[in-house]
């Protein structure tokens, strides 16, 4: 056990959560596609949205920012896991945007989340696929790390839909009942179009 008070304080300071103050940039979107519903965070537990003065005080879960409540202003995320990578993303229709950031312990970081119109991949279940429990990793061609991780968000045949930048993407699906088995492939995302990807065992 350390006996030096300054050492104890230093260790506590290292563990203090951080703050993200972000601006949603819509300049690249047509006027008819600027009605955005939400900003999502991964991991979902990474931070908590805190309304700023003049913004609607809605009760929401961690990992979620209701854009309508921002009234056109910035968004503030508190209780950010220190020194862990937080991914902020928007995926609605064909509109996408993503920003990854690390916040040093006890610090405040200002970022922009810029949105653009791209294409979309709609992941659907093949007849032999489980009805739930899909985990999907997406990687932009040439990227060394996983770009996005998705989970089941819809009932029925559709697993999840992801708006993405146009270009080549690789994907990998794991099912929770047998995570050792993987299904993978590639897809070309075309701006303004949605492509169905059917996955099974």
Protein backbone atom coordinates (compact mmCIF):
# COMPACT_ATOMS: atom_id res chain seq x y z
CA UNK A 1 0.00 0.00 0.00
CA UNK A 2 1.42 3.43 -0.89
CA UNK A 3 1.85 5.83 2.01
CA UNK A 4 2.57 8.94 0.01
CA UNK A 5 -0.65 11.01 -0.32
CA UNK A 6 0.49 12.53 -3.62
CA UNK A 7 0.97 9.03 -5.04
CA UNK A 8 -2.58 8.05 -4.07
CA UNK A 9 -3.99 11.22 -5.64
CA UNK A 10 -2.01 10.61 -8.83
CA UNK A 11 -3.38 7.11 -9.15
CA UNK A 12 -6.95 8.33 -8.61
CA UNK A 13 -6.47 11.02 -11.25
CA UNK A 14 -5.40 8.45 -13.82
CA UNK A 15 -8.71 6.61 -13.42
CA UNK A 16 -10.95 9.69 -13.69
CA UNK A 17 -13.40 9.51 -16.61
CA UNK A 18 -13.22 11.98 -19.46
CA UNK A 19 -15.61 14.17 -21.44
CA UNK A 20 -16.33 14.42 -25.18
CA UNK A 21 -17.93 17.55 -26.65
CA UNK A 22 -18.97 16.85 -30.21
CA UNK A 23 -20.47 18.70 -33.16
CA UNK A 24 -22.62 16.97 -35.75
CA UNK A 25 -21.58 18.33 -39.18
CA UNK A 26 -24.35 18.10 -41.80
CA UNK A 27 -22.83 20.30 -44.54
CA UNK A 28 -22.40 17.38 -46.97
CA UNK A 29 -26.02 16.20 -46.66
CA UNK A 30 -28.89 17.31 -48.94
CA UNK A 31 -31.52 19.32 -47.07
CA UNK A 32 -33.98 16.43 -47.24
CA UNK A 33 -31.64 14.01 -45.48
CA UNK A 34 -30.70 16.03 -42.42
CA UNK A 35 -33.38 14.66 -40.09
CA UNK A 36 -31.11 12.42 -38.03
CA UNK A 37 -32.53 10.35 -35.19
CA UNK A 38 -29.58 9.23 -33.10
CA UNK A 39 -25.86 9.03 -32.55
CA UNK A 40 -24.73 5.64 -31.29
CA UNK A 41 -21.65 4.71 -29.32
CA UNK A 42 -19.66 1.51 -29.14
CA UNK A 43 -19.07 0.03 -26.74
CA UNK A 44 -22.55 0.99 -25.55
CA UNK A 45 -21.27 1.48 -22.00
CA UNK A 46 -18.54 3.88 -23.16
CA UNK A 47 -20.20 7.16 -22.15
CA UNK A 48 -23.37 8.92 -21.02
CA UNK A 49 -25.05 11.79 -22.88
CA UNK A 50 -25.50 14.92 -20.76
CA UNK A 51 -27.92 17.60 -22.08
CA UNK A 52 -26.48 21.10 -22.34
CA UNK A 53 -28.43 24.24 -21.38
CA UNK A 54 -31.34 24.71 -23.78
CA UNK A 55 -31.45 21.05 -24.81
CA UNK A 56 -34.31 18.70 -23.99
CA UNK A 57 -33.54 16.60 -20.94
CA UNK A 58 -34.49 13.12 -22.11
CA UNK A 59 -33.82 9.97 -20.13
CA UNK A 60 -31.83 7.65 -22.38
CA UNK A 61 -29.51 4.70 -21.94
CA UNK A 62 -25.74 4.94 -22.13
CA UNK A 63 -24.36 4.79 -25.62
CA UNK A 64 -27.17 6.80 -27.21
CA UNK A 65 -27.61 10.49 -28.13
CA UNK A 66 -31.09 11.67 -29.27
CA UNK A 67 -30.24 14.18 -32.00
CA UNK A 68 -33.61 15.98 -31.90
CA UNK A 69 -32.93 16.92 -28.27
CA UNK A 70 -29.74 18.76 -29.25
CA UNK A 71 -31.70 21.61 -30.89
CA UNK A 72 -28.93 22.01 -33.47
CA UNK A 73 -26.25 22.41 -30.83
CA UNK A 74 -23.28 20.30 -29.75
CA UNK A 75 -23.53 17.09 -27.74
CA UNK A 76 -21.74 16.35 -24.50
CA UNK A 77 -20.70 12.87 -23.41
CA UNK A 78 -19.66 12.37 -19.81
CA UNK A 79 -18.29 9.47 -17.79
CA UNK A 80 -16.15 8.42 -20.77
CA UNK A 81 -13.97 5.38 -20.16
CA UNK A 82 -10.45 6.80 -19.84
CA UNK A 83 -7.91 5.82 -22.51
CA UNK A 84 -10.38 3.44 -24.19
CA UNK A 85 -11.40 3.91 -27.82
CA UNK A 86 -14.96 5.18 -28.25
CA UNK A 87 -16.65 4.91 -31.63
CA UNK A 88 -19.42 7.41 -32.39
CA UNK A 89 -21.51 6.65 -35.46
CA UNK A 90 -24.67 7.51 -37.36
CA UNK A 91 -26.29 4.94 -39.63
CA UNK A 92 -29.70 5.93 -41.00
CA UNK A 93 -30.97 5.04 -44.44
CA UNK A 94 -28.02 5.91 -46.68
CA UNK A 95 -26.57 8.52 -44.30
CA UNK A 96 -23.43 7.51 -42.46
CA UNK A 97 -20.73 8.99 -40.28
CA UNK A 98 -18.18 7.62 -37.86
CA UNK A 99 -15.52 9.00 -35.55
CA UNK A 100 -13.19 7.14 -33.21
CA UNK A 101 -11.62 8.93 -30.27
CA UNK A 102 -9.62 8.22 -27.13
CA UNK A 103 -10.00 10.55 -24.16
CA UNK A 104 -7.15 10.77 -21.64
CA UNK A 105 -8.22 10.33 -18.03
CA UNK A 106 -9.83 13.46 -16.63
CA UNK A 107 -9.63 15.32 -19.95
CA UNK A 108 -12.14 16.95 -22.29
CA UNK A 109 -11.84 16.34 -26.03
CA UNK A 110 -13.67 18.26 -28.77
CA UNK A 111 -14.53 16.40 -31.98
CA UNK A 112 -16.58 16.72 -35.15
CA UNK A 113 -18.78 13.91 -36.45
CA UNK A 114 -19.23 14.58 -40.16
CA UNK A 115 -22.09 12.91 -42.02
CA UNK A 116 -22.31 12.02 -45.70
CA UNK A 117 -24.52 10.05 -48.09
CA UNK A 118 -23.16 6.62 -48.94
CA UNK A 119 -24.71 3.24 -49.58
CA UNK A 120 -25.98 0.48 -47.32
CA UNK A 121 -25.61 -3.23 -46.63
CA UNK A 122 -28.71 -5.11 -45.44
CA UNK A 123 -27.77 -8.36 -43.75
CA UNK A 124 -30.49 -11.01 -43.98
CA UNK A 125 -30.79 -14.54 -42.61
CA UNK A 126 -30.67 -17.55 -44.88
CA UNK A 127 -33.21 -20.30 -44.06
CA UNK A 128 -30.58 -22.26 -42.09
CA UNK A 129 -29.49 -19.29 -39.97
CA UNK A 130 -30.38 -18.87 -36.29
CA UNK A 131 -33.19 -16.42 -35.59
CA UNK A 132 -31.05 -14.30 -33.28
CA UNK A 133 -27.56 -13.81 -31.92
CA UNK A 134 -25.63 -12.43 -34.89
CA UNK A 135 -22.41 -10.46 -34.45
CA UNK A 136 -21.09 -8.83 -37.63
CA UNK A 137 -17.68 -7.28 -38.15
CA UNK A 138 -17.18 -4.88 -41.06
CA UNK A 139 -13.79 -3.87 -42.37
CA UNK A 140 -13.09 -1.30 -45.06
CA UNK A 141 -10.75 -2.72 -47.70
CA UNK A 142 -7.20 -1.76 -46.76
CA UNK A 143 -8.05 -1.15 -43.09
CA UNK A 144 -5.93 -2.98 -40.54
CA UNK A 145 -8.61 -2.95 -37.84
CA UNK A 146 -12.31 -3.72 -37.68
CA UNK A 147 -14.20 -0.61 -38.79
CA UNK A 148 -17.65 -1.39 -37.37
CA UNK A 149 -19.17 -4.11 -35.21
CA UNK A 150 -22.91 -4.74 -35.53
CA UNK A 151 -25.42 -6.84 -33.62
CA UNK A 152 -28.95 -8.12 -34.24
CA UNK A 153 -31.31 -5.14 -34.41
CA UNK A 154 -34.36 -6.44 -36.30
CA UNK A 155 -36.88 -9.26 -36.14
CA UNK A 156 -37.60 -11.69 -38.94
CA UNK A 157 -35.23 -12.24 -41.83
CA UNK A 158 -33.40 -8.94 -41.52
CA UNK A 159 -30.48 -8.93 -39.09
CA UNK A 160 -29.26 -5.35 -39.36
CA UNK A 161 -28.79 -2.58 -41.88
CA UNK A 162 -25.63 -0.48 -42.00
CA UNK A 163 -25.09 2.77 -43.90
CA UNK A 164 -21.47 2.91 -45.06
CA UNK A 165 -19.08 4.86 -47.23
CA UNK A 166 -18.99 3.74 -50.85
CA UNK A 167 -16.27 1.23 -51.66
CA UNK A 168 -15.16 -2.34 -51.01
CA UNK A 169 -15.98 -3.90 -47.63
CA UNK A 170 -15.31 -7.29 -46.10
CA UNK A 171 -17.68 -8.78 -43.54
CA UNK A 172 -17.63 -11.62 -41.01
CA UNK A 173 -20.62 -13.08 -39.16
CA UNK A 174 -20.56 -15.09 -35.94
CA UNK A 175 -23.62 -16.68 -34.32
CA UNK A 176 -23.86 -16.71 -30.53
CA UNK A 177 -24.87 -20.40 -30.40
CA UNK A 178 -21.55 -21.36 -32.03
CA UNK A 179 -19.07 -18.45 -32.03
CA UNK A 180 -16.26 -20.69 -33.28
CA UNK A 181 -17.91 -20.87 -36.71
CA UNK A 182 -17.70 -17.87 -39.01
CA UNK A 183 -19.23 -16.87 -42.31
CA UNK A 184 -17.38 -14.21 -44.27
CA UNK A 185 -17.43 -12.45 -47.61
CA UNK A 186 -16.95 -9.19 -49.49
CA UNK A 187 -19.36 -6.61 -50.84
CA UNK A 188 -19.13 -3.42 -52.86
CA UNK A 189 -21.10 -0.52 -51.39
CA UNK A 190 -22.43 1.84 -54.06
CA UNK A 191 -23.44 5.40 -53.23
CA UNK A 192 -27.21 5.79 -53.24
CA UNK A 193 -27.93 2.05 -53.22
CA UNK A 194 -28.70 -0.65 -50.65
CA UNK A 195 -27.35 -4.17 -51.19
CA UNK A 196 -28.77 -7.33 -49.59
CA UNK A 197 -26.27 -9.78 -48.07
CA UNK A 198 -27.80 -13.16 -47.17
CA UNK A 199 -25.90 -15.13 -44.52
CA UNK A 200 -26.38 -18.60 -43.08
CA UNK A 201 -24.27 -21.05 -41.12
